[in-house]
PDB file of N, CA and C in Angstrom:
ATOM      1  N   UNK A   1      77.619 107.698 125.305  1.00  0.00           N
ATOM      2  CA  UNK A   1      78.814 106.918 125.555  1.00  0.00           C
ATOM      3  C   UNK A   1      79.865 107.828 126.185  1.00  0.00           C
ATOM      4  N   UNK A   2      80.494 107.376 127.187  1.00  0.00           N
ATOM      5  CA  UNK A   2      81.568 108.104 127.862  1.00  0.00           C
ATOM      6  C   UNK A   2      82.908 107.647 127.294  1.00  0.00           C
ATOM      7  N   UNK A   3      83.700 108.604 126.835  1.00  0.00           N
ATOM      8  CA  UNK A   3      85.043 108.292 126.343  1.00  0.00           C
ATOM      9  C   UNK A   3      85.986 108.297 127.533  1.00  0.00           C
ATOM     10  N   UNK A   4      86.497 107.124 127.863  1.00  0.00           N
ATOM     11  CA  UNK A   4      87.383 106.972 129.021  1.00  0.00           C
ATOM     12  C   UNK A   4      88.848 107.025 128.632  1.00  0.00           C
ATOM     13  N   UNK A   5      89.172 106.599 127.413  1.00  0.00           N
ATOM     14  CA  UNK A   5      90.559 106.658 126.954  1.00  0.00           C
ATOM     15  C   UNK A   5      90.596 107.039 125.489  1.00  0.00           C
ATOM     16  N   UNK A   6      91.581 107.846 125.154  1.00  0.00           N
ATOM     17  CA  UNK A   6      91.780 108.281 123.771  1.00  0.00           C
ATOM     18  C   UNK A   6      93.272 108.403 123.558  1.00  0.00           C
ATOM     19  N   UNK A   7      93.795 107.615 122.631  1.00  0.00           N
ATOM     20  CA  UNK A   7      95.229 107.591 122.394  1.00  0.00           C
ATOM     21  C   UNK A   7      95.531 107.731 120.914  1.00  0.00           C
ATOM     22  N   UNK A   8      96.560 108.521 120.617  1.00  0.00           N
ATOM     23  CA  UNK A   8      97.044 108.631 119.249  1.00  0.00           C
ATOM     24  C   UNK A   8      97.686 107.306 118.869  1.00  0.00           C
ATOM     25  N   UNK A   9      97.354 106.784 117.695  1.00  0.00           N
ATOM     26  CA  UNK A   9      97.896 105.507 117.237  1.00  0.00           C
ATOM     27  C   UNK A   9      98.934 105.721 116.145  1.00  0.00           C
ATOM     28  N   UNK A  10      98.560 106.420 115.077  1.00  0.00           N
ATOM     29  CA  UNK A  10      99.503 106.603 113.969  1.00  0.00           C
ATOM     30  C   UNK A  10      99.024 107.666 113.000  1.00  0.00           C
ATOM     31  N   UNK A  11      99.976 108.188 112.245  1.00  0.00           N
ATOM     32  CA  UNK A  11      99.709 109.066 111.103  1.00  0.00           C
ATOM     33  C   UNK A  11     100.308 108.402 109.877  1.00  0.00           C
ATOM     34  N   UNK A  12      99.624 108.531 108.753  1.00  0.00           N
ATOM     35  CA  UNK A  12     100.186 108.023 107.511  1.00  0.00           C
ATOM     36  C   UNK A  12      99.552 108.735 106.333  1.00  0.00           C
ATOM     37  N   UNK A  13     100.151 108.591 105.187  1.00  0.00           N
ATOM     38  CA  UNK A  13      99.653 109.272 104.001  1.00  0.00           C
ATOM     39  C   UNK A  13      98.929 108.331 103.036  1.00  0.00           C
ATOM     40  N   UNK A  14      98.838 107.072 103.382  1.00  0.00           N
ATOM     41  CA  UNK A  14      98.269 106.078 102.477  1.00  0.00           C
ATOM     42  C   UNK A  14      97.209 105.237 103.193  1.00  0.00           C
ATOM     43  N   UNK A  15      96.106 105.005 102.531  1.00  0.00           N
ATOM     44  CA  UNK A  15      95.037 104.176 103.098  1.00  0.00           C
ATOM     45  C   UNK A  15      95.540 102.764 103.372  1.00  0.00           C
ATOM     46  N   UNK A  16      96.431 102.278 102.527  1.00  0.00           N
ATOM     47  CA  UNK A  16      96.975 100.928 102.693  1.00  0.00           C
ATOM     48  C   UNK A  16      97.766 100.786 103.992  1.00  0.00           C
ATOM     49  N   UNK A  17      98.251 101.892 104.536  1.00  0.00           N
ATOM     50  CA  UNK A  17      99.055 101.860 105.763  1.00  0.00           C
ATOM     51  C   UNK A  17      98.231 102.060 107.035  1.00  0.00           C
ATOM     52  N   UNK A  18      96.932 102.187 106.900  1.00  0.00           N
ATOM     53  CA  UNK A  18      96.063 102.390 108.068  1.00  0.00           C
ATOM     54  C   UNK A  18      96.066 101.141 108.947  1.00  0.00           C
ATOM     55  N   UNK A  19      95.715 101.278 110.219  1.00  0.00           N
ATOM     56  CA  UNK A  19      95.683 100.108 111.100  1.00  0.00           C
ATOM     57  C   UNK A  19      94.742  99.036 110.551  1.00  0.00           C
ATOM     58  N   UNK A  20      95.134  97.798 110.743  1.00  0.00           N
ATOM     59  CA  UNK A  20      94.318  96.689 110.232  1.00  0.00           C
ATOM     60  C   UNK A  20      93.459  96.047 111.321  1.00  0.00           C
ATOM     61  N   UNK A  21      93.405  96.672 112.484  1.00  0.00           N
ATOM     62  CA  UNK A  21      92.582  96.148 113.584  1.00  0.00           C
ATOM     63  C   UNK A  21      91.127  96.004 113.119  1.00  0.00           C
ATOM     64  N   UNK A  22      90.470  94.905 113.450  1.00  0.00           N
ATOM     65  CA  UNK A  22      89.090  94.694 113.001  1.00  0.00           C
ATOM     66  C   UNK A  22      88.078  95.396 113.912  1.00  0.00           C
ATOM     67  N   UNK A  23      88.253  96.705 114.093  1.00  0.00           N
ATOM     68  CA  UNK A  23      87.333  97.487 114.927  1.00  0.00           C
ATOM     69  C   UNK A  23      86.788  98.643 114.097  1.00  0.00           C
ATOM     70  N   UNK A  24      85.630  99.185 114.467  1.00  0.00           N
ATOM     71  CA  UNK A  24      85.021 100.265 113.679  1.00  0.00           C
ATOM     72  C   UNK A  24      85.892 101.521 113.643  1.00  0.00           C
ATOM     73  N   UNK A  25      85.767 102.260 112.542  1.00  0.00           N
ATOM     74  CA  UNK A  25      86.422 103.551 112.376  1.00  0.00           C
ATOM     75  C   UNK A  25      85.353 104.587 112.042  1.00  0.00           C
ATOM     76  N   UNK A  26      85.433 105.732 112.682  1.00  0.00           N
ATOM     77  CA  UNK A  26      84.544 106.855 112.398  1.00  0.00           C
ATOM     78  C   UNK A  26      85.426 108.016 111.972  1.00  0.00           C
ATOM     79  N   UNK A  27      85.299 108.428 110.723  1.00  0.00           N
ATOM     80  CA  UNK A  27      86.197 109.422 110.154  1.00  0.00           C
ATOM     81  C   UNK A  27      85.497 110.766 109.987  1.00  0.00           C
ATOM     82  N   UNK A  28      86.279 111.824 110.178  1.00  0.00           N
ATOM     83  CA  UNK A  28      85.804 113.186 109.952  1.00  0.00           C
ATOM     84  C   UNK A  28      86.443 113.698 108.673  1.00  0.00           C
ATOM     85  N   UNK A  29      85.605 114.107 107.729  1.00  0.00           N
ATOM     86  CA  UNK A  29      86.078 114.641 106.461  1.00  0.00           C
ATOM     87  C   UNK A  29      85.371 115.963 106.216  1.00  0.00           C
ATOM     88  N   UNK A  30      86.088 116.902 105.610  1.00  0.00           N
ATOM     89  CA  UNK A  30      85.493 118.202 105.305  1.00  0.00           C
ATOM     90  C   UNK A  30      86.549 119.163 104.808  1.00  0.00           C
ATOM     91  N   UNK A  31      86.144 120.389 104.579  1.00  0.00           N
ATOM     92  CA  UNK A  31      87.054 121.410 104.082  1.00  0.00           C
ATOM     93  C   UNK A  31      88.167 121.686 105.082  1.00  0.00           C
ATOM     94  N   UNK A  32      89.245 122.260 104.580  1.00  0.00           N
ATOM     95  CA  UNK A  32      90.349 122.671 105.442  1.00  0.00           C
ATOM     96  C   UNK A  32      89.862 123.750 106.414  1.00  0.00           C
ATOM     97  N   UNK A  33      90.340 123.685 107.637  1.00  0.00           N
ATOM     98  CA  UNK A  33      90.090 124.699 108.659  1.00  0.00           C
ATOM     99  C   UNK A  33      88.622 124.815 109.055  1.00  0.00           C
ATOM    100  N   UNK A  34      87.884 123.709 108.990  1.00  0.00           N
ATOM    101  CA  UNK A  34      86.472 123.751 109.348  1.00  0.00           C
ATOM    102  C   UNK A  34      86.247 123.312 110.800  1.00  0.00           C
ATOM    103  N   UNK A  35      87.257 122.664 111.425  1.00  0.00           N
ATOM    104  CA  UNK A  35      87.144 122.297 112.829  1.00  0.00           C
ATOM    105  C   UNK A  35      87.095 120.804 113.103  1.00  0.00           C
ATOM    106  N   UNK A  36      87.540 119.980 112.172  1.00  0.00           N
ATOM    107  CA  UNK A  36      87.509 118.525 112.378  1.00  0.00           C
ATOM    108  C   UNK A  36      88.384 118.117 113.563  1.00  0.00           C
ATOM    109  N   UNK A  37      89.607 118.637 113.614  1.00  0.00           N
ATOM    110  CA  UNK A  37      90.518 118.299 114.726  1.00  0.00           C
ATOM    111  C   UNK A  37      89.988 118.850 116.040  1.00  0.00           C
ATOM    112  N   UNK A  38      89.435 120.047 116.012  1.00  0.00           N
ATOM    113  CA  UNK A  38      88.855 120.641 117.228  1.00  0.00           C
ATOM    114  C   UNK A  38      87.684 119.808 117.737  1.00  0.00           C
ATOM    115  N   UNK A  39      86.886 119.267 116.831  1.00  0.00           N
ATOM    116  CA  UNK A  39      85.762 118.410 117.218  1.00  0.00           C
ATOM    117  C   UNK A  39      86.262 117.138 117.911  1.00  0.00           C
ATOM    118  N   UNK A  40      87.328 116.545 117.381  1.00  0.00           N
ATOM    119  CA  UNK A  40      87.904 115.348 118.016  1.00  0.00           C
ATOM    120  C   UNK A  40      88.381 115.691 119.424  1.00  0.00           C
ATOM    121  N   UNK A  41      89.046 116.822 119.587  1.00  0.00           N
ATOM    122  CA  UNK A  41      89.503 117.244 120.910  1.00  0.00           C
ATOM    123  C   UNK A  41      88.334 117.469 121.861  1.00  0.00           C
ATOM    124  N   UNK A  42      87.240 118.069 121.375  1.00  0.00           N
ATOM    125  CA  UNK A  42      86.074 118.304 122.221  1.00  0.00           C
ATOM    126  C   UNK A  42      85.409 116.989 122.642  1.00  0.00           C
ATOM    127  N   UNK A  43      85.251 116.064 121.691  1.00  0.00           N
ATOM    128  CA  UNK A  43      84.607 114.783 122.001  1.00  0.00           C
ATOM    129  C   UNK A  43      85.407 113.967 123.015  1.00  0.00           C
ATOM    130  N   UNK A  44      86.744 114.040 122.924  1.00  0.00           N
ATOM    131  CA  UNK A  44      87.599 113.254 123.814  1.00  0.00           C
ATOM    132  C   UNK A  44      87.966 114.001 125.096  1.00  0.00           C
ATOM    133  N   UNK A  45      87.539 115.287 125.176  1.00  0.00           N
ATOM    134  CA  UNK A  45      87.844 116.137 126.334  1.00  0.00           C
ATOM    135  C   UNK A  45      89.352 116.252 126.565  1.00  0.00           C
ATOM    136  N   UNK A  46      90.110 116.324 125.469  1.00  0.00           N
ATOM    137  CA  UNK A  46      91.565 116.513 125.516  1.00  0.00           C
ATOM    138  C   UNK A  46      91.907 117.683 124.616  1.00  0.00           C
ATOM    139  N   UNK A  47      92.603 118.660 125.147  1.00  0.00           N
ATOM    140  CA  UNK A  47      92.869 119.894 124.414  1.00  0.00           C
ATOM    141  C   UNK A  47      93.804 119.729 123.225  1.00  0.00           C
ATOM    142  N   UNK A  48      94.721 118.784 123.295  1.00  0.00           N
ATOM    143  CA  UNK A  48      95.705 118.701 122.210  1.00  0.00           C
ATOM    144  C   UNK A  48      95.924 117.281 121.701  1.00  0.00           C
ATOM    145  N   UNK A  49      94.896 116.449 121.721  1.00  0.00           N
ATOM    146  CA  UNK A  49      95.025 115.104 121.164  1.00  0.00           C
ATOM    147  C   UNK A  49      95.238 115.218 119.651  1.00  0.00           C
ATOM    148  N   UNK A  50      94.342 115.920 118.985  1.00  0.00           N
ATOM    149  CA  UNK A  50      94.487 116.188 117.556  1.00  0.00           C
ATOM    150  C   UNK A  50      95.073 117.590 117.414  1.00  0.00           C
ATOM    151  N   UNK A  51      96.101 117.719 116.598  1.00  0.00           N
ATOM    152  CA  UNK A  51      96.766 119.015 116.418  1.00  0.00           C
ATOM    153  C   UNK A  51      95.862 119.977 115.656  1.00  0.00           C
ATOM    154  N   UNK A  52      95.787 121.226 116.149  1.00  0.00           N
ATOM    155  CA  UNK A  52      94.977 122.250 115.505  1.00  0.00           C
ATOM    156  C   UNK A  52      95.848 123.457 115.169  1.00  0.00           C
ATOM    157  N   UNK A  53      95.345 124.275 114.255  1.00  0.00           N
ATOM    158  CA  UNK A  53      96.070 125.467 113.845  1.00  0.00           C
ATOM    159  C   UNK A  53      95.091 126.435 113.206  1.00  0.00           C
ATOM    160  N   UNK A  54      95.432 127.704 113.236  1.00  0.00           N
ATOM    161  CA  UNK A  54      94.630 128.696 112.535  1.00  0.00           C
ATOM    162  C   UNK A  54      94.926 128.715 111.051  1.00  0.00           C
ATOM    163  N   UNK A  55      95.985 128.030 110.630  1.00  0.00           N
ATOM    164  CA  UNK A  55      96.392 127.983 109.225  1.00  0.00           C
ATOM    165  C   UNK A  55      95.696 126.806 108.535  1.00  0.00           C
ATOM    166  N   UNK A  56      94.947 127.066 107.477  1.00  0.00           N
ATOM    167  CA  UNK A  56      94.297 125.972 106.751  1.00  0.00           C
ATOM    168  C   UNK A  56      95.307 124.952 106.247  1.00  0.00           C
ATOM    169  N   UNK A  57      94.947 123.673 106.315  1.00  0.00           N
ATOM    170  CA  UNK A  57      95.788 122.615 105.768  1.00  0.00           C
ATOM    171  C   UNK A  57      96.781 122.025 106.743  1.00  0.00           C
ATOM    172  N   UNK A  58      96.627 122.275 108.038  1.00  0.00           N
ATOM    173  CA  UNK A  58      97.564 121.746 109.032  1.00  0.00           C
ATOM    174  C   UNK A  58      97.556 120.218 109.033  1.00  0.00           C
ATOM    175  N   UNK A  59      96.390 119.611 108.978  1.00  0.00           N
ATOM    176  CA  UNK A  59      96.298 118.146 108.934  1.00  0.00           C
ATOM    177  C   UNK A  59      96.535 117.696 107.497  1.00  0.00           C
ATOM    178  N   UNK A  60      97.673 117.065 107.250  1.00  0.00           N
ATOM    179  CA  UNK A  60      97.980 116.617 105.901  1.00  0.00           C
ATOM    180  C   UNK A  60      98.139 115.104 105.825  1.00  0.00           C
ATOM    181  N   UNK A  61      97.953 114.426 106.947  1.00  0.00           N
ATOM    182  CA  UNK A  61      98.053 112.971 106.995  1.00  0.00           C
ATOM    183  C   UNK A  61      96.760 112.394 107.559  1.00  0.00           C
ATOM    184  N   UNK A  62      96.584 111.096 107.422  1.00  0.00           N
ATOM    185  CA  UNK A  62      95.460 110.381 108.036  1.00  0.00           C
ATOM    186  C   UNK A  62      95.884 110.046 109.466  1.00  0.00           C
ATOM    187  N   UNK A  63      95.155 110.569 110.450  1.00  0.00           N
ATOM    188  CA  UNK A  63      95.507 110.373 111.860  1.00  0.00           C
ATOM    189  C   UNK A  63      94.476 109.479 112.547  1.00  0.00           C
ATOM    190  N   UNK A  64      94.957 108.414 113.175  1.00  0.00           N
ATOM    191  CA  UNK A  64      94.080 107.472 113.879  1.00  0.00           C
ATOM    192  C   UNK A  64      94.232 107.630 115.387  1.00  0.00           C
ATOM    193  N   UNK A  65      93.089 107.658 116.071  1.00  0.00           N
ATOM    194  CA  UNK A  65      93.046 107.737 117.528  1.00  0.00           C
ATOM    195  C   UNK A  65      92.199 106.575 118.034  1.00  0.00           C
ATOM    196  N   UNK A  66      92.744 105.755 118.927  1.00  0.00           N
ATOM    197  CA  UNK A  66      92.006 104.618 119.487  1.00  0.00           C
ATOM    198  C   UNK A  66      91.176 105.120 120.666  1.00  0.00           C
ATOM    199  N   UNK A  67      89.880 104.840 120.615  1.00  0.00           N
ATOM    200  CA  UNK A  67      88.954 105.309 121.637  1.00  0.00           C
ATOM    201  C   UNK A  67      88.452 104.113 122.450  1.00  0.00           C
ATOM    202  N   UNK A  68      88.604 104.208 123.768  1.00  0.00           N
ATOM    203  CA  UNK A  68      88.145 103.155 124.693  1.00  0.00           C
ATOM    204  C   UNK A  68      88.639 101.760 124.301  1.00  0.00           C
ATOM    205  N   UNK A  69      89.756 101.700 123.604  1.00  0.00           N
ATOM    206  CA  UNK A  69      90.350 100.434 123.166  1.00  0.00           C
ATOM    207  C   UNK A  69      89.439  99.576 122.300  1.00  0.00           C
ATOM    208  N   UNK A  70      88.360 100.189 121.720  1.00  0.00           N
ATOM    209  CA  UNK A  70      87.506  99.344 120.881  1.00  0.00           C
ATOM    210  C   UNK A  70      86.976 100.006 119.610  1.00  0.00           C
ATOM    211  N   UNK A  71      87.398 101.237 119.303  1.00  0.00           N
ATOM    212  CA  UNK A  71      87.059 101.858 118.025  1.00  0.00           C
ATOM    213  C   UNK A  71      88.011 103.017 117.747  1.00  0.00           C
ATOM    214  N   UNK A  72      88.036 103.473 116.485  1.00  0.00           N
ATOM    215  CA  UNK A  72      88.925 104.556 116.074  1.00  0.00           C
ATOM    216  C   UNK A  72      88.144 105.801 115.685  1.00  0.00           C
ATOM    217  N   UNK A  73      88.687 106.962 116.047  1.00  0.00           N
ATOM    218  CA  UNK A  73      88.307 108.218 115.431  1.00  0.00           C
ATOM    219  C   UNK A  73      89.415 108.524 114.438  1.00  0.00           C
ATOM    220  N   UNK A  74      89.050 108.951 113.241  1.00  0.00           N
ATOM    221  CA  UNK A  74      90.038 109.206 112.202  1.00  0.00           C
ATOM    222  C   UNK A  74      89.904 110.659 111.743  1.00  0.00           C
ATOM    223  N   UNK A  75      91.018 111.383 111.819  1.00  0.00           N
ATOM    224  CA  UNK A  75      91.086 112.773 111.384  1.00  0.00           C
ATOM    225  C   UNK A  75      91.709 112.778 109.989  1.00  0.00           C
ATOM    226  N   UNK A  76      90.892 113.090 108.986  1.00  0.00           N
ATOM    227  CA  UNK A  76      91.356 113.081 107.599  1.00  0.00           C
ATOM    228  C   UNK A  76      91.809 114.479 107.172  1.00  0.00           C
ATOM    229  N   UNK A  77      92.716 114.547 106.208  1.00  0.00           N
ATOM    230  CA  UNK A  77      93.138 115.856 105.703  1.00  0.00           C
ATOM    231  C   UNK A  77      91.950 116.601 105.097  1.00  0.00           C
ATOM    232  N   UNK A  78      91.951 117.913 105.273  1.00  0.00           N
ATOM    233  CA  UNK A  78      90.890 118.726 104.688  1.00  0.00           C
ATOM    234  C   UNK A  78      91.115 118.935 103.207  1.00  0.00           C
ATOM    235  N   UNK A  79      90.116 119.424 102.543  1.00  0.00           N
ATOM    236  CA  UNK A  79      90.235 119.749 101.128  1.00  0.00           C
ATOM    237  C   UNK A  79      89.795 121.194 100.947  1.00  0.00           C
ATOM    238  N   UNK A  80      90.218 121.807  99.867  1.00  0.00           N
ATOM    239  CA  UNK A  80      89.803 123.175  99.605  1.00  0.00           C
ATOM    240  C   UNK A  80      90.966 124.130  99.539  1.00  0.00           C
ATOM    241  N   UNK A  81      90.979 125.095 100.443  1.00  0.00           N
ATOM    242  CA  UNK A  81      91.875 126.229 100.297  1.00  0.00           C
ATOM    243  C   UNK A  81      93.162 126.154 101.116  1.00  0.00           C
ATOM    244  N   UNK A  82      93.649 124.985 101.422  1.00  0.00           N
ATOM    245  CA  UNK A  82      94.898 124.850 102.167  1.00  0.00           C
ATOM    246  C   UNK A  82      96.064 125.401 101.357  1.00  0.00           C
ATOM    247  N   UNK A  83      96.981 126.086 102.036  1.00  0.00           N
ATOM    248  CA  UNK A  83      98.164 126.615 101.367  1.00  0.00           C
ATOM    249  C   UNK A  83      99.262 125.565 101.347  1.00  0.00           C
ATOM    250  N   UNK A  84      99.539 125.024 100.173  1.00  0.00           N
ATOM    251  CA  UNK A  84     100.621 124.064 100.004  1.00  0.00           C
ATOM    252  C   UNK A  84     101.387 124.435  98.737  1.00  0.00           C
ATOM    253  N   UNK A  85     102.608 123.966  98.652  1.00  0.00           N
ATOM    254  CA  UNK A  85     103.429 124.273  97.485  1.00  0.00           C
ATOM    255  C   UNK A  85     102.891 123.586  96.235  1.00  0.00           C
ATOM    256  N   UNK A  86     103.305 124.085  95.067  1.00  0.00           N
ATOM    257  CA  UNK A  86     102.887 123.482  93.793  1.00  0.00           C
ATOM    258  C   UNK A  86     103.378 122.043  93.693  1.00  0.00           C
ATOM    259  N   UNK A  87     104.570 121.778  94.227  1.00  0.00           N
ATOM    260  CA  UNK A  87     105.126 120.429  94.210  1.00  0.00           C
ATOM    261  C   UNK A  87     104.250 119.472  95.014  1.00  0.00           C
ATOM    262  N   UNK A  88     103.777 119.899  96.194  1.00  0.00           N
ATOM    263  CA  UNK A  88     102.921 119.053  97.023  1.00  0.00           C
ATOM    264  C   UNK A  88     101.557 118.819  96.382  1.00  0.00           C
ATOM    265  N   UNK A  89     101.043 119.813  95.666  1.00  0.00           N
ATOM    266  CA  UNK A  89      99.741 119.658  95.016  1.00  0.00           C
ATOM    267  C   UNK A  89      99.774 118.588  93.935  1.00  0.00           C
ATOM    268  N   UNK A  90     100.929 118.402  93.275  1.00  0.00           N
ATOM    269  CA  UNK A  90     101.056 117.418  92.204  1.00  0.00           C
ATOM    270  C   UNK A  90     101.049 115.984  92.719  1.00  0.00           C
ATOM    271  N   UNK A  91     101.402 115.748  93.987  1.00  0.00           N
ATOM    272  CA  UNK A  91     101.476 114.374  94.513  1.00  0.00           C
ATOM    273  C   UNK A  91     100.175 113.907  95.049  1.00  0.00           C
TER     274      UNK A  91
END
Protein backbone atom coordinates (compact mmCIF):
# COMPACT_ATOMS: atom_id res chain seq x y z
CA UNK A 1 0.00 0.00 0.00
CA UNK A 2 1.31 3.44 -0.88
CA UNK A 3 0.77 6.14 1.74
CA UNK A 4 -0.23 9.24 -0.20
CA UNK A 5 -1.34 11.44 2.69
CA UNK A 6 -0.56 11.49 6.39
CA UNK A 7 -1.92 14.18 8.66
CA UNK A 8 -1.77 14.78 12.39
CA UNK A 9 -5.32 14.74 13.78
CA UNK A 10 -5.11 15.10 17.56
CA UNK A 11 -3.34 14.34 20.81
CA UNK A 12 -5.15 13.46 24.00
CA UNK A 13 -4.60 11.74 27.30
CA UNK A 14 -7.85 9.78 27.47
CA UNK A 15 -9.20 6.93 25.35
CA UNK A 16 -12.66 8.47 25.62
CA UNK A 17 -11.36 11.55 23.76
CA UNK A 18 -10.02 9.61 20.76
CA UNK A 19 -11.57 10.27 17.34
CA UNK A 20 -14.91 8.56 16.86
CA UNK A 21 -14.54 8.14 13.08
CA UNK A 22 -15.67 4.62 12.08
CA UNK A 23 -12.35 3.77 10.38
CA UNK A 24 -9.64 1.27 11.37
CA UNK A 25 -6.88 2.22 13.81
CA UNK A 26 -3.45 0.60 13.92
CA UNK A 27 -1.61 1.42 17.13
CA UNK A 28 2.05 1.11 18.06
CA UNK A 29 2.71 0.16 21.67
CA UNK A 30 6.00 -0.67 23.36
CA UNK A 31 8.68 0.45 25.76
CA UNK A 32 9.80 4.06 25.95
CA UNK A 33 12.47 5.05 23.41
CA UNK A 34 12.11 1.89 21.32
CA UNK A 35 11.34 3.72 18.04
CA UNK A 36 7.54 3.77 17.69
CA UNK A 37 7.45 7.41 16.53
CA UNK A 38 10.44 6.84 14.24
CA UNK A 39 8.63 3.88 12.66
CA UNK A 40 5.57 6.05 11.95
CA UNK A 41 7.82 8.66 10.31
CA UNK A 42 9.52 5.97 8.19
CA UNK A 43 6.23 4.40 7.06
CA UNK A 44 4.77 7.79 6.08
CA UNK A 45 8.06 9.02 4.55
CA UNK A 46 7.82 12.21 6.66
CA UNK A 47 10.73 13.15 8.90
CA UNK A 48 8.78 14.96 11.60
CA UNK A 49 5.15 13.82 11.47
CA UNK A 50 5.52 12.05 14.82
CA UNK A 51 7.77 13.87 17.30
CA UNK A 52 10.93 11.99 18.28
CA UNK A 53 13.59 12.52 20.92
CA UNK A 54 16.62 10.82 22.37
CA UNK A 55 15.04 11.25 25.82
CA UNK A 56 12.82 8.33 26.88
CA UNK A 57 9.18 9.25 27.50
CA UNK A 58 8.80 12.05 24.94
CA UNK A 59 5.43 10.70 23.75
CA UNK A 60 3.13 11.12 26.72
CA UNK A 61 -0.20 11.46 24.90
CA UNK A 62 -2.20 9.32 22.46
CA UNK A 63 -1.42 10.75 18.99
CA UNK A 64 -3.66 10.04 15.98
CA UNK A 65 -2.52 10.40 12.37
CA UNK A 66 -5.03 10.03 9.50
CA UNK A 67 -3.56 7.98 6.66
CA UNK A 68 -4.92 8.25 3.10
CA UNK A 69 -8.14 9.66 4.61
CA UNK A 70 -9.34 6.15 5.46
CA UNK A 71 -7.43 4.79 8.49
CA UNK A 72 -5.43 5.92 11.54
CA UNK A 73 -1.94 5.25 12.77
CA UNK A 74 -1.85 5.73 16.53
CA UNK A 75 1.33 6.54 18.47
CA UNK A 76 0.81 5.44 22.08
CA UNK A 77 2.91 6.51 25.07
CA UNK A 78 5.75 4.15 25.89
CA UNK A 79 6.09 2.30 29.14
CA UNK A 80 9.15 1.46 31.19
CA UNK A 81 12.02 3.75 31.98
CA UNK A 82 10.71 7.20 30.99
CA UNK A 83 11.88 10.02 33.26
CA UNK A 84 8.83 11.72 34.74
CA UNK A 85 8.19 13.44 38.04
CA UNK A 86 6.72 11.58 41.03
CA UNK A 87 3.58 13.70 40.70
CA UNK A 88 3.08 12.61 37.06
CA UNK A 89 3.63 8.95 37.94
CA UNK A 90 0.72 9.08 40.43
CA UNK A 91 -1.81 10.20 37.76
